[in-house]
Amino acid sequence: MNRLKSVWKELDPRIFLALTLAGMINAFGVTIFLFPVKLYDSGISGLSMLLDQITPEHLT
């Protein structure tokens, strides 16, 4: 438990802010540019876009 507290104190809140901002920019880009023309991103986001396209409407 002490080790966890020491690691938590070393974390910089600016890193969390930067990661949150990067995630929001990525989500905006995917939603505005990739999703409407059915281009798939790589990784987990691309897989979720693909599954959204092939899943029947009554299951979403």
Protein backbone atom coordinates (compact mmCIF):
# COMPACT_ATOMS: atom_id res chain seq x y z
CA MET A 1 0.00 0.00 0.00
CA ASN A 2 2.88 2.36 0.75
CA ARG A 3 4.38 1.68 -2.64
CA LEU A 4 1.09 2.55 -4.34
CA LYS A 5 0.92 5.84 -2.48
CA SER A 6 4.46 6.75 -3.47
CA VAL A 7 3.78 5.93 -7.13
CA TRP A 8 0.57 7.98 -7.04
CA LYS A 9 2.46 10.99 -5.70
CA GLU A 10 4.95 10.81 -8.59
CA LEU A 11 2.25 11.03 -11.26
CA ASP A 12 1.84 14.39 -12.91
CA PRO A 13 -1.77 15.60 -13.39
CA ARG A 14 -0.69 17.32 -16.62
CA ILE A 15 -0.12 13.87 -18.17
CA PHE A 16 -3.72 12.89 -17.44
CA LEU A 17 -4.92 16.18 -18.90
CA ALA A 18 -2.83 15.68 -22.05
CA LEU A 19 -4.10 12.11 -22.48
CA THR A 20 -7.70 13.23 -22.03
CA LEU A 21 -7.25 15.99 -24.59
CA ALA A 22 -5.60 13.58 -27.06
CA GLY A 23 -8.47 11.11 -26.63
CA MET A 24 -11.03 13.84 -27.29
CA ILE A 25 -9.21 14.98 -30.44
CA ASN A 26 -9.00 11.39 -31.66
CA ALA A 27 -12.69 10.79 -31.01
CA PHE A 28 -13.60 14.00 -32.84
CA GLY A 29 -11.48 13.03 -35.86
CA VAL A 30 -12.89 9.53 -36.04
CA THR A 31 -16.49 10.75 -35.68
CA ILE A 32 -16.23 13.60 -38.18
CA PHE A 33 -13.88 12.18 -40.83
CA LEU A 34 -13.62 8.40 -40.71
CA PHE A 35 -16.99 7.08 -39.56
CA PRO A 36 -19.24 8.82 -42.16
CA VAL A 37 -17.26 7.42 -45.11
CA LYS A 38 -16.83 4.00 -43.46
CA LEU A 39 -13.04 4.13 -43.23
CA TYR A 40 -11.73 2.11 -40.33
CA ASP A 41 -9.08 3.25 -37.91
CA SER A 42 -6.58 0.72 -36.62
CA GLY A 43 -6.67 -0.95 -33.25
CA ILE A 44 -9.57 -1.11 -30.84
CA SER A 45 -11.33 1.92 -32.32
CA GLY A 46 -11.28 0.36 -35.80
CA LEU A 47 -12.61 -2.90 -34.45
CA SER A 48 -15.46 -1.11 -32.70
CA MET A 49 -16.30 0.79 -35.92
CA LEU A 50 -16.33 -2.48 -37.86
CA LEU A 51 -18.53 -4.19 -35.29
CA ASP A 52 -20.91 -1.23 -35.39
CA GLN A 53 -21.29 -1.67 -39.14
CA ILE A 54 -21.91 -5.42 -39.10
CA THR A 55 -24.07 -5.68 -35.97
CA PRO A 56 -27.82 -5.78 -36.67
CA GLU A 57 -29.72 -2.65 -35.65
CA HIS A 58 -31.90 -4.43 -33.08
CA LEU A 59 -28.78 -5.47 -31.11
CA THR A 60 -27.30 -1.98 -30.74
